[in-house]
Amino acid sequence: ICEELKPLQTTNKPFDDAEAMRLLSEELEWRGPIAPGVCAPECAEPDGAPLFASISASPIASASLGQVYKATLHDGSEVAVKVQRPSAMRQVATDFAVLTTVLYGIQSTGWGNGDLVEITDIVAAGVFEEMDYRNEAVNAQRFERSLDFLGYVSVPAAVPSLPPTPRVLVTEWVAGRHLSDLSREEGTRMTNMAVDAVTASLVLTGFVHADPHEGNIMLGDDGRLYFLDFGLMSEVRAEIMEAFAYGIQCVLNKDWRGLVTAFVQTGFVGTPIEYREDTTGEFGSGSPEAMAAELEERMESVPGGTSRFGALSTVLFDMGNQWRMYTPPYIILLIRTFLTLEGIAGQVDPDFNIYEVALPWAVQRALSPSTPTARRTLRSSVLTEADSFQWDRVAALVEQQRAEQREARDKARTGAAKAAGAAGAAGGADGPAP
């Protein structure tokens, strides 16, 4: 559902420019020309002062909900002018009404463990929020402030002299490039920054950009990471942040019992845990140990089990036939966020390990707990019952991580040797006959 409802893409057919200029004039309450030689239909003062020094004749990007023009202010500053489609509100309302009706019918059959209609409501609320560009401007400022400590995250700032309206947003023009225009090195750098930023927001700040697809992130010419479009955001509660942080650590440490605990803490798995042997039968009692054992078996056999979030998603989807799992709306949005980022990362580095990039922030969250449960977990991890620091436990965790890194390097060397051997054999086969 979320994939089909991406709120903004850049390949849609633009709507009429004259209609866009009319909306600009109406929303910004401007009676004169939009720019020299560019007037809105039925312009009240065609000989008056123009709003902009110049504006592009056609949109430089067109999306499902709006389109963007490039303009120049009278002081020479370049700006992006985002104008909403005239029919956007009616079309989105109609689409969601139809979708809700269909999903209600599906849900009434007993399919699925989550509340499909509630999930749709959450996504719809995000889309409708995006449709009021004043909300988008507020979200952008809040997101940038929340990640200021990283030192490299920026958003296009709204132009103070032209405050946002429900259907028009004027921001500074950002010089930069999207993933498709970057070199491999630049793409890797941008991807690492994006995963870093989104993970920090997921486990530390609790204010997450829930739609970080390729069109919504950009590497600025100044070297900073720019996020665009802030309609679909997700608020994450402290206990969920701590559960996600714990889950990231558990995957890297192959602590499958701990991962089950993280699932319960996020509400993805209920209490008590429910299981059924027959996929058509009723759910009964299940144990966390049995679930952890099945997780271990599946995660050890699936490619990328401890490096790809998509692998975990596949495993859980398959296990959902026998283990009752729930899909709270915030879980759907957060899963989608991680899968979107991983898809981008896979384009620049097939071996990209999203968990390793996320680990530092997960550890930081674990070391600064804000809920009683997380404080007890931290205490039990590093202290004995006599309040002595467990140096041996910490040392064991460090050694385990080093061992995994050595194993990964050995596998890489083996793969390279095999590839070289295959290339040599192919060369011999193609050479002259003895």
Foldseek 3Di string as FASTA:
>chain_A
DVVVPQLWDFPDDADDPLVQQVQVCVQQVPQEAQEVVHRHVPRNHPPDDHQFPDKDPDFPTAIPFWTWIWTAHPVGFIKIKTFGDPCRVVVLVVVLVVVLVVVVVVVVVVPAQEDVNVLSVLVSQLSQQLLQVLSQQVLQVVLCVLQVVVVFEHEFHFDVVRHGGSGMTMTGDFAWAFLVPDDLVLLLVQLLVVLLSQLLCLQPVQKHQLNQARVQWTQTPVRGIYGDRRSNIGGDDNQLSLLVLQLLVCLLLVVLLSNLVSQPSNQFADPPKWWDPDLPDDIDGDDSVVVSVLLSVQLVPFPCSSFALVSVVVSVVVRCSTIPTYDDSSNVSVSSSRNNSRVSNCVSPVRHRSSVSSNVSSVVCLVVHDDPVSVVVSCVQQADPVRDGDPVSVVVSVVSSVVVVVVVVVVVVVVVVVVVVVVVVVVVVPDDDD
